[in-house]
């Protein structure tokens, strides 16, 4: 899978699962050239997801929701994933 198609895949899966009000995906794979995970084909990404689906959920549960949405891609296509998961109220409040 190419880097562009990985980003599109991540966007599609997170959008379908979490209906985010805001979704940002930053591909940082180029920063890890030569890194073991990068050599094996997995990308490095940072995601910011703002969704009502996170309301009342602790940080761990929010991350688990994102991992579940991405499914098996977390084992092969995605080597590293930085997550910023917030509710709209958390974003508005600071």
PDB file of N, CA and C in Angstrom:
ATOM      1  N   UNK A   1       0.859  -1.181   0.000  1.00  0.00           N
ATOM      2  CA  UNK A   1       0.000   0.000   0.000  1.00  0.00           C
ATOM      3  C   UNK A   1       0.900   1.237   0.000  1.00  0.00           C
ATOM      4  N   UNK A   2       0.603   2.195  -0.851  1.00  0.00           N
ATOM      5  CA  UNK A   2       1.395   3.421  -0.902  1.00  0.00           C
ATOM      6  C   UNK A   2       1.058   4.325   0.285  1.00  0.00           C
ATOM      7  N   UNK A   3       1.926   5.304   0.532  1.00  0.00           N
ATOM      8  CA  UNK A   3       1.698   6.241   1.638  1.00  0.00           C
ATOM      9  C   UNK A   3       0.376   6.991   1.457  1.00  0.00           C
ATOM     10  N   UNK A   4       0.097   7.451   0.230  1.00  0.00           N
ATOM     11  CA  UNK A   4      -1.154   8.174  -0.029  1.00  0.00           C
ATOM     12  C   UNK A   4      -2.371   7.292   0.219  1.00  0.00           C
ATOM     13  N   UNK A   5      -2.293   6.034  -0.192  1.00  0.00           N
ATOM     14  CA  UNK A   5      -3.441   5.158   0.020  1.00  0.00           C
ATOM     15  C   UNK A   5      -3.588   4.783   1.496  1.00  0.00           C
ATOM     16  N   UNK A   6      -2.478   4.742   2.246  1.00  0.00           N
ATOM     17  CA  UNK A   6      -2.574   4.500   3.694  1.00  0.00           C
ATOM     18  C   UNK A   6      -3.312   5.652   4.369  1.00  0.00           C
ATOM     19  N   UNK A   7      -2.956   6.872   4.014  1.00  0.00           N
ATOM     20  CA  UNK A   7      -3.622   8.032   4.607  1.00  0.00           C
ATOM     21  C   UNK A   7      -5.106   8.009   4.248  1.00  0.00           C
ATOM     22  N   UNK A   8      -5.435   7.704   3.010  1.00  0.00           N
ATOM     23  CA  UNK A   8      -6.831   7.621   2.594  1.00  0.00           C
ATOM     24  C   UNK A   8      -7.562   6.517   3.362  1.00  0.00           C
ATOM     25  N   UNK A   9      -6.894   5.388   3.566  1.00  0.00           N
ATOM     26  CA  UNK A   9      -7.475   4.281   4.321  1.00  0.00           C
ATOM     27  C   UNK A   9      -7.749   4.702   5.761  1.00  0.00           C
ATOM     28  N   UNK A  10      -6.765   5.331   6.399  1.00  0.00           N
ATOM     29  CA  UNK A  10      -6.928   5.790   7.779  1.00  0.00           C
ATOM     30  C   UNK A  10      -8.096   6.766   7.857  1.00  0.00           C
ATOM     31  N   UNK A  11      -8.142   7.720   6.927  1.00  0.00           N
ATOM     32  CA  UNK A  11      -9.224   8.711   6.910  1.00  0.00           C
ATOM     33  C   UNK A  11     -10.587   8.027   6.777  1.00  0.00           C
ATOM     34  N   UNK A  12     -10.704   7.101   5.863  1.00  0.00           N
ATOM     35  CA  UNK A  12     -11.976   6.406   5.635  1.00  0.00           C
ATOM     36  C   UNK A  12     -12.413   5.627   6.874  1.00  0.00           C
ATOM     37  N   UNK A  13     -11.504   4.848   7.442  1.00  0.00           N
ATOM     38  CA  UNK A  13     -11.862   4.009   8.582  1.00  0.00           C
ATOM     39  C   UNK A  13     -12.253   4.843   9.806  1.00  0.00           C
ATOM     40  N   UNK A  14     -11.498   5.902  10.096  1.00  0.00           N
ATOM     41  CA  UNK A  14     -11.812   6.736  11.258  1.00  0.00           C
ATOM     42  C   UNK A  14     -13.094   7.529  11.033  1.00  0.00           C
ATOM     43  N   UNK A  15     -13.325   7.963   9.804  1.00  0.00           N
ATOM     44  CA  UNK A  15     -14.556   8.694   9.496  1.00  0.00           C
ATOM     45  C   UNK A  15     -15.776   7.793   9.660  1.00  0.00           C
ATOM     46  N   UNK A  16     -15.694   6.584   9.147  1.00  0.00           N
ATOM     47  CA  UNK A  16     -16.809   5.645   9.252  1.00  0.00           C
ATOM     48  C   UNK A  16     -17.107   5.278  10.705  1.00  0.00           C
ATOM     49  N   UNK A  17     -16.070   5.073  11.488  1.00  0.00           N
ATOM     50  CA  UNK A  17     -16.249   4.595  12.864  1.00  0.00           C
ATOM     51  C   UNK A  17     -16.605   5.699  13.851  1.00  0.00           C
ATOM     52  N   UNK A  18     -16.063   6.905  13.639  1.00  0.00           N
ATOM     53  CA  UNK A  18     -16.164   7.934  14.675  1.00  0.00           C
ATOM     54  C   UNK A  18     -16.880   9.211  14.249  1.00  0.00           C
ATOM     55  N   UNK A  19     -17.221   9.324  12.981  1.00  0.00           N
ATOM     56  CA  UNK A  19     -17.913  10.511  12.476  1.00  0.00           C
ATOM     57  C   UNK A  19     -17.291  11.794  13.054  1.00  0.00           C
ATOM     58  N   UNK A  20     -16.007  12.005  12.825  1.00  0.00           N
ATOM     59  CA  UNK A  20     -15.329  13.129  13.466  1.00  0.00           C
ATOM     60  C   UNK A  20     -15.767  14.483  12.915  1.00  0.00           C
ATOM     61  N   UNK A  21     -15.752  15.474  13.798  1.00  0.00           N
ATOM     62  CA  UNK A  21     -15.975  16.852  13.385  1.00  0.00           C
ATOM     63  C   UNK A  21     -14.688  17.423  12.795  1.00  0.00           C
ATOM     64  N   UNK A  22     -13.571  16.875  13.251  1.00  0.00           N
ATOM     65  CA  UNK A  22     -12.262  17.261  12.721  1.00  0.00           C
ATOM     66  C   UNK A  22     -11.379  16.025  12.704  1.00  0.00           C
ATOM     67  N   UNK A  23     -10.665  15.860  11.607  1.00  0.00           N
ATOM     68  CA  UNK A  23      -9.750  14.730  11.469  1.00  0.00           C
ATOM     69  C   UNK A  23      -8.514  15.211  10.725  1.00  0.00           C
ATOM     70  N   UNK A  24      -7.378  15.144  11.393  1.00  0.00           N
ATOM     71  CA  UNK A  24      -6.107  15.504  10.776  1.00  0.00           C
ATOM     72  C   UNK A  24      -5.198  14.299  10.825  1.00  0.00           C
ATOM     73  N   UNK A  25      -4.558  14.014   9.718  1.00  0.00           N
ATOM     74  CA  UNK A  25      -3.624  12.893   9.635  1.00  0.00           C
ATOM     75  C   UNK A  25      -2.313  13.437   9.076  1.00  0.00           C
ATOM     76  N   UNK A  26      -1.257  13.261   9.833  1.00  0.00           N
ATOM     77  CA  UNK A  26       0.061  13.710   9.393  1.00  0.00           C
ATOM     78  C   UNK A  26       0.929  12.479   9.205  1.00  0.00           C
ATOM     79  N   UNK A  27       1.447  12.334   8.001  1.00  0.00           N
ATOM     80  CA  UNK A  27       2.338  11.224   7.684  1.00  0.00           C
ATOM     81  C   UNK A  27       3.758  11.644   8.055  1.00  0.00           C
ATOM     82  N   UNK A  28       4.331  10.986   9.042  1.00  0.00           N
ATOM     83  CA  UNK A  28       5.686  11.289   9.488  1.00  0.00           C
ATOM     84  C   UNK A  28       6.667  10.183   9.102  1.00  0.00           C
ATOM     85  N   UNK A  29       6.283   9.363   8.160  1.00  0.00           N
ATOM     86  CA  UNK A  29       7.117   8.223   7.763  1.00  0.00           C
ATOM     87  C   UNK A  29       8.494   8.665   7.288  1.00  0.00           C
ATOM     88  N   UNK A  30       8.562   9.795   6.607  1.00  0.00           N
ATOM     89  CA  UNK A  30       9.839  10.273   6.076  1.00  0.00           C
ATOM     90  C   UNK A  30      10.852  10.567   7.187  1.00  0.00           C
ATOM     91  N   UNK A  31      10.369  10.848   8.391  1.00  0.00           N
ATOM     92  CA  UNK A  31      11.261  11.119   9.525  1.00  0.00           C
ATOM     93  C   UNK A  31      11.905   9.841  10.062  1.00  0.00           C
ATOM     94  N   UNK A  32      11.419   8.702   9.606  1.00  0.00           N
ATOM     95  CA  UNK A  32      11.867   7.421  10.144  1.00  0.00           C
ATOM     96  C   UNK A  32      12.521   6.543   9.083  1.00  0.00           C
ATOM     97  N   UNK A  33      13.057   7.174   8.056  1.00  0.00           N
ATOM     98  CA  UNK A  33      13.728   6.420   6.991  1.00  0.00           C
ATOM     99  C   UNK A  33      14.842   5.575   7.599  1.00  0.00           C
ATOM    100  N   UNK A  34      14.868   4.302   7.246  1.00  0.00           N
ATOM    101  CA  UNK A  34      15.864   3.390   7.772  1.00  0.00           C
ATOM    102  C   UNK A  34      15.469   2.735   9.082  1.00  0.00           C
ATOM    103  N   UNK A  35      14.442   3.253   9.734  1.00  0.00           N
ATOM    104  CA  UNK A  35      13.934   2.663  10.972  1.00  0.00           C
ATOM    105  C   UNK A  35      13.335   1.307  10.649  1.00  0.00           C
ATOM    106  N   UNK A  36      13.448   0.361  11.550  1.00  0.00           N
ATOM    107  CA  UNK A  36      12.999  -1.016  11.304  1.00  0.00           C
ATOM    108  C   UNK A  36      11.560  -1.079  10.799  1.00  0.00           C
ATOM    109  N   UNK A  37      10.645  -0.377  11.436  1.00  0.00           N
ATOM    110  CA  UNK A  37       9.246  -0.405  11.011  1.00  0.00           C
ATOM    111  C   UNK A  37       9.046   0.201   9.649  1.00  0.00           C
ATOM    112  N   UNK A  38       9.816   1.236   9.349  1.00  0.00           N
ATOM    113  CA  UNK A  38       9.710   1.874   8.044  1.00  0.00           C
ATOM    114  C   UNK A  38      10.234   0.955   6.949  1.00  0.00           C
ATOM    115  N   UNK A  39      11.329   0.261   7.220  1.00  0.00           N
ATOM    116  CA  UNK A  39      11.908  -0.669   6.249  1.00  0.00           C
ATOM    117  C   UNK A  39      10.919  -1.789   5.942  1.00  0.00           C
ATOM    118  N   UNK A  40      10.175  -2.229   6.948  1.00  0.00           N
ATOM    119  CA  UNK A  40       9.209  -3.315   6.758  1.00  0.00           C
ATOM    120  C   UNK A  40       7.927  -2.836   6.089  1.00  0.00           C
ATOM    121  N   UNK A  41       7.816  -1.550   5.805  1.00  0.00           N
ATOM    122  CA  UNK A  41       6.679  -1.050   5.063  1.00  0.00           C
ATOM    123  C   UNK A  41       5.615  -0.357   5.881  1.00  0.00           C
ATOM    124  N   UNK A  42       5.704  -0.365   7.188  1.00  0.00           N
ATOM    125  CA  UNK A  42       4.704   0.297   8.007  1.00  0.00           C
ATOM    126  C   UNK A  42       4.983   1.779   8.128  1.00  0.00           C
ATOM    127  N   UNK A  43       3.928   2.585   8.087  1.00  0.00           N
ATOM    128  CA  UNK A  43       4.081   4.027   8.175  1.00  0.00           C
ATOM    129  C   UNK A  43       3.981   4.543   9.596  1.00  0.00           C
ATOM    130  N   UNK A  44       4.438   5.771   9.772  1.00  0.00           N
ATOM    131  CA  UNK A  44       4.373   6.483  11.052  1.00  0.00           C
ATOM    132  C   UNK A  44       3.427   7.663  10.876  1.00  0.00           C
ATOM    133  N   UNK A  45       2.410   7.754  11.731  1.00  0.00           N
ATOM    134  CA  UNK A  45       1.383   8.778  11.576  1.00  0.00           C
ATOM    135  C   UNK A  45       1.032   9.431  12.899  1.00  0.00           C
ATOM    136  N   UNK A  46       0.576  10.673  12.804  1.00  0.00           N
ATOM    137  CA  UNK A  46      -0.020  11.397  13.924  1.00  0.00           C
ATOM    138  C   UNK A  46      -1.453  11.692  13.513  1.00  0.00           C
ATOM    139  N   UNK A  47      -2.407  11.374  14.373  1.00  0.00           N
ATOM    140  CA  UNK A  47      -3.801  11.692  14.063  1.00  0.00           C
ATOM    141  C   UNK A  47      -4.387  12.556  15.180  1.00  0.00           C
ATOM    142  N   UNK A  48      -5.187  13.504  14.759  1.00  0.00           N
ATOM    143  CA  UNK A  48      -6.003  14.292  15.675  1.00  0.00           C
ATOM    144  C   UNK A  48      -7.445  14.025  15.284  1.00  0.00           C
ATOM    145  N   UNK A  49      -8.214  13.529  16.239  1.00  0.00           N
ATOM    146  CA  UNK A  49      -9.611  13.191  15.988  1.00  0.00           C
ATOM    147  C   UNK A  49     -10.459  13.924  17.022  1.00  0.00           C
ATOM    148  N   UNK A  50     -11.391  14.731  16.536  1.00  0.00           N
ATOM    149  CA  UNK A  50     -12.343  15.411  17.408  1.00  0.00           C
ATOM    150  C   UNK A  50     -13.709  14.819  17.099  1.00  0.00           C
ATOM    151  N   UNK A  51     -14.285  14.147  18.096  1.00  0.00           N
ATOM    152  CA  UNK A  51     -15.536  13.421  17.858  1.00  0.00           C
ATOM    153  C   UNK A  51     -16.394  13.367  19.124  1.00  0.00           C
ATOM    154  N   UNK A  52     -17.699  13.459  18.922  1.00  0.00           N
ATOM    155  CA  UNK A  52     -18.655  13.274  20.020  1.00  0.00           C
ATOM    156  C   UNK A  52     -18.598  11.850  20.561  1.00  0.00           C
ATOM    157  N   UNK A  53     -18.108  10.925  19.732  1.00  0.00           N
ATOM    158  CA  UNK A  53     -18.030   9.519  20.154  1.00  0.00           C
ATOM    159  C   UNK A  53     -17.128   9.335  21.371  1.00  0.00           C
ATOM    160  N   UNK A  54     -16.259  10.291  21.648  1.00  0.00           N
ATOM    161  CA  UNK A  54     -15.353  10.192  22.787  1.00  0.00           C
ATOM    162  C   UNK A  54     -15.961  10.700  24.091  1.00  0.00           C
ATOM    163  N   UNK A  55     -17.136  11.284  24.015  1.00  0.00           N
ATOM    164  CA  UNK A  55     -17.760  11.859  25.212  1.00  0.00           C
ATOM    165  C   UNK A  55     -17.904  10.797  26.300  1.00  0.00           C
ATOM    166  N   UNK A  56     -17.459  11.133  27.498  1.00  0.00           N
ATOM    167  CA  UNK A  56     -17.567  10.230  28.644  1.00  0.00           C
ATOM    168  C   UNK A  56     -16.550   9.108  28.662  1.00  0.00           C
ATOM    169  N   UNK A  57     -15.638   9.083  27.692  1.00  0.00           N
ATOM    170  CA  UNK A  57     -14.642   8.010  27.604  1.00  0.00           C
ATOM    171  C   UNK A  57     -13.286   8.519  28.098  1.00  0.00           C
ATOM    172  N   UNK A  58     -12.588   7.649  28.800  1.00  0.00           N
ATOM    173  CA  UNK A  58     -11.226   7.962  29.232  1.00  0.00           C
ATOM    174  C   UNK A  58     -10.265   7.815  28.050  1.00  0.00           C
ATOM    175  N   UNK A  59      -9.071   8.316  28.235  1.00  0.00           N
ATOM    176  CA  UNK A  59      -8.069   8.313  27.178  1.00  0.00           C
ATOM    177  C   UNK A  59      -7.819   6.912  26.612  1.00  0.00           C
ATOM    178  N   UNK A  60      -7.667   5.926  27.475  1.00  0.00           N
ATOM    179  CA  UNK A  60      -7.411   4.567  27.012  1.00  0.00           C
ATOM    180  C   UNK A  60      -8.546   4.058  26.125  1.00  0.00           C
ATOM    181  N   UNK A  61      -9.782   4.298  26.530  1.00  0.00           N
ATOM    182  CA  UNK A  61     -10.939   3.853  25.733  1.00  0.00           C
ATOM    183  C   UNK A  61     -10.968   4.553  24.379  1.00  0.00           C
ATOM    184  N   UNK A  62     -10.602   5.814  24.352  1.00  0.00           N
ATOM    185  CA  UNK A  62     -10.567   6.562  23.083  1.00  0.00           C
ATOM    186  C   UNK A  62      -9.532   5.960  22.138  1.00  0.00           C
ATOM    187  N   UNK A  63      -8.357   5.659  22.674  1.00  0.00           N
ATOM    188  CA  UNK A  63      -7.318   5.042  21.847  1.00  0.00           C
ATOM    189  C   UNK A  63      -7.774   3.668  21.354  1.00  0.00           C
ATOM    190  N   UNK A  64      -8.416   2.902  22.210  1.00  0.00           N
ATOM    191  CA  UNK A  64      -8.919   1.588  21.807  1.00  0.00           C
ATOM    192  C   UNK A  64      -9.946   1.704  20.691  1.00  0.00           C
ATOM    193  N   UNK A  65     -10.767   2.746  20.728  1.00  0.00           N
ATOM    194  CA  UNK A  65     -11.751   2.966  19.665  1.00  0.00           C
ATOM    195  C   UNK A  65     -11.051   3.223  18.327  1.00  0.00           C
ATOM    196  N   UNK A  66      -9.978   3.984  18.374  1.00  0.00           N
ATOM    197  CA  UNK A  66      -9.217   4.277  17.152  1.00  0.00           C
ATOM    198  C   UNK A  66      -8.528   3.017  16.645  1.00  0.00           C
ATOM    199  N   UNK A  67      -7.900   2.264  17.548  1.00  0.00           N
ATOM    200  CA  UNK A  67      -7.256   1.014  17.141  1.00  0.00           C
ATOM    201  C   UNK A  67      -8.270   0.043  16.541  1.00  0.00           C
ATOM    202  N   UNK A  68      -9.444  -0.049  17.134  1.00  0.00           N
ATOM    203  CA  UNK A  68     -10.487  -0.942  16.618  1.00  0.00           C
ATOM    204  C   UNK A  68     -10.929  -0.512  15.223  1.00  0.00           C
ATOM    205  N   UNK A  69     -11.044   0.790  15.016  1.00  0.00           N
ATOM    206  CA  UNK A  69     -11.457   1.295  13.698  1.00  0.00           C
ATOM    207  C   UNK A  69     -10.420   0.945  12.629  1.00  0.00           C
ATOM    208  N   UNK A  70      -9.153   0.961  13.001  1.00  0.00           N
ATOM    209  CA  UNK A  70      -8.087   0.682  12.039  1.00  0.00           C
ATOM    210  C   UNK A  70      -7.821  -0.806  11.873  1.00  0.00           C
ATOM    211  N   UNK A  71      -8.285  -1.595  12.815  1.00  0.00           N
ATOM    212  CA  UNK A  71      -8.222  -3.054  12.701  1.00  0.00           C
ATOM    213  C   UNK A  71      -6.840  -3.603  12.423  1.00  0.00           C
ATOM    214  N   UNK A  72      -6.765  -4.547  11.493  1.00  0.00           N
ATOM    215  CA  UNK A  72      -5.524  -5.250  11.184  1.00  0.00           C
ATOM    216  C   UNK A  72      -4.449  -4.350  10.596  1.00  0.00           C
ATOM    217  N   UNK A  73      -4.817  -3.171  10.129  1.00  0.00           N
ATOM    218  CA  UNK A  73      -3.818  -2.250   9.582  1.00  0.00           C
ATOM    219  C   UNK A  73      -2.795  -1.873  10.653  1.00  0.00           C
ATOM    220  N   UNK A  74      -3.203  -1.931  11.931  1.00  0.00           N
ATOM    221  CA  UNK A  74      -2.280  -1.619  13.021  1.00  0.00           C
ATOM    222  C   UNK A  74      -1.164  -2.666  13.122  1.00  0.00           C
ATOM    223  N   UNK A  75      -1.366  -3.814  12.532  1.00  0.00           N
ATOM    224  CA  UNK A  75      -0.363  -4.882  12.592  1.00  0.00           C
ATOM    225  C   UNK A  75       0.576  -4.870  11.388  1.00  0.00           C
ATOM    226  N   UNK A  76       0.147  -4.250  10.294  1.00  0.00           N
ATOM    227  CA  UNK A  76       0.945  -4.340   9.070  1.00  0.00           C
ATOM    228  C   UNK A  76       1.210  -2.984   8.417  1.00  0.00           C
ATOM    229  N   UNK A  77       0.185  -2.219   8.162  1.00  0.00           N
ATOM    230  CA  UNK A  77       0.312  -0.981   7.406  1.00  0.00           C
ATOM    231  C   UNK A  77       0.757   0.205   8.258  1.00  0.00           C
ATOM    232  N   UNK A  78       0.478   0.148   9.552  1.00  0.00           N
ATOM    233  CA  UNK A  78       0.802   1.260  10.446  1.00  0.00           C
ATOM    234  C   UNK A  78       1.790   0.755  11.486  1.00  0.00           C
ATOM    235  N   UNK A  79       2.984   1.312  11.469  1.00  0.00           N
ATOM    236  CA  UNK A  79       4.003   0.895  12.437  1.00  0.00           C
ATOM    237  C   UNK A  79       3.891   1.702  13.733  1.00  0.00           C
ATOM    238  N   UNK A  80       3.602   2.988  13.598  1.00  0.00           N
ATOM    239  CA  UNK A  80       3.503   3.859  14.777  1.00  0.00           C
ATOM    240  C   UNK A  80       2.372   4.858  14.567  1.00  0.00           C
ATOM    241  N   UNK A  81       1.617   5.094  15.647  1.00  0.00           N
ATOM    242  CA  UNK A  81       0.478   6.002  15.560  1.00  0.00           C
ATOM    243  C   UNK A  81       0.416   6.857  16.815  1.00  0.00           C
ATOM    244  N   UNK A  82       0.606   8.160  16.624  1.00  0.00           N
ATOM    245  CA  UNK A  82       0.413   9.111  17.709  1.00  0.00           C
ATOM    246  C   UNK A  82      -1.021   9.587  17.668  1.00  0.00           C
ATOM    247  N   UNK A  83      -1.681   9.631  18.811  1.00  0.00           N
ATOM    248  CA  UNK A  83      -3.115   9.924  18.849  1.00  0.00           C
ATOM    249  C   UNK A  83      -3.404  11.111  19.750  1.00  0.00           C
ATOM    250  N   UNK A  84      -4.191  12.039  19.218  1.00  0.00           N
ATOM    251  CA  UNK A  84      -4.773  13.136  19.985  1.00  0.00           C
ATOM    252  C   UNK A  84      -6.281  13.003  19.797  1.00  0.00           C
ATOM    253  N   UNK A  85      -6.974  12.480  20.795  1.00  0.00           N
ATOM    254  CA  UNK A  85      -8.417  12.201  20.701  1.00  0.00           C
ATOM    255  C   UNK A  85      -9.163  13.097  21.679  1.00  0.00           C
ATOM    256  N   UNK A  86     -10.016  13.974  21.152  1.00  0.00           N
ATOM    257  CA  UNK A  86     -10.727  14.958  21.969  1.00  0.00           C
ATOM    258  C   UNK A  86     -12.207  15.020  21.594  1.00  0.00           C
ATOM    259  N   UNK A  87     -12.989  15.499  22.530  1.00  0.00           N
ATOM    260  CA  UNK A  87     -14.387  15.813  22.238  1.00  0.00           C
ATOM    261  C   UNK A  87     -14.445  17.256  21.753  1.00  0.00           C
ATOM    262  N   UNK A  88     -15.513  17.649  21.077  1.00  0.00           N
ATOM    263  CA  UNK A  88     -15.642  19.056  20.667  1.00  0.00           C
ATOM    264  C   UNK A  88     -15.577  20.016  21.848  1.00  0.00           C
ATOM    265  N   UNK A  89     -16.159  19.620  22.968  1.00  0.00           N
ATOM    266  CA  UNK A  89     -16.155  20.472  24.161  1.00  0.00           C
ATOM    267  C   UNK A  89     -14.735  20.674  24.694  1.00  0.00           C
ATOM    268  N   UNK A  90     -13.914  19.657  24.618  1.00  0.00           N
ATOM    269  CA  UNK A  90     -12.526  19.772  25.076  1.00  0.00           C
ATOM    270  C   UNK A  90     -11.727  20.725  24.192  1.00  0.00           C
ATOM    271  N   UNK A  91     -12.021  20.711  22.914  1.00  0.00           N
ATOM    272  CA  UNK A  91     -11.333  21.603  21.982  1.00  0.00           C
ATOM    273  C   UNK A  91     -11.771  23.041  22.201  1.00  0.00           C
ATOM    274  N   UNK A  92     -13.069  23.240  22.366  1.00  0.00           N
ATOM    275  CA  UNK A  92     -13.617  24.593  22.591  1.00  0.00           C
ATOM    276  C   UNK A  92     -13.163  25.153  23.924  1.00  0.00           C
ATOM    277  N   UNK A  93     -13.003  24.283  24.918  1.00  0.00           N
ATOM    278  CA  UNK A  93     -12.662  24.731  26.260  1.00  0.00           C
ATOM    279  C   UNK A  93     -11.184  24.995  26.465  1.00  0.00           C
ATOM    280  N   UNK A  94     -10.372  24.703  25.500  1.00  0.00           N
ATOM    281  CA  UNK A  94      -8.970  25.018  25.702  1.00  0.00           C
ATOM    282  C   UNK A  94      -8.076  24.081  25.059  1.00  0.00           C
TER     283      UNK A  94
END
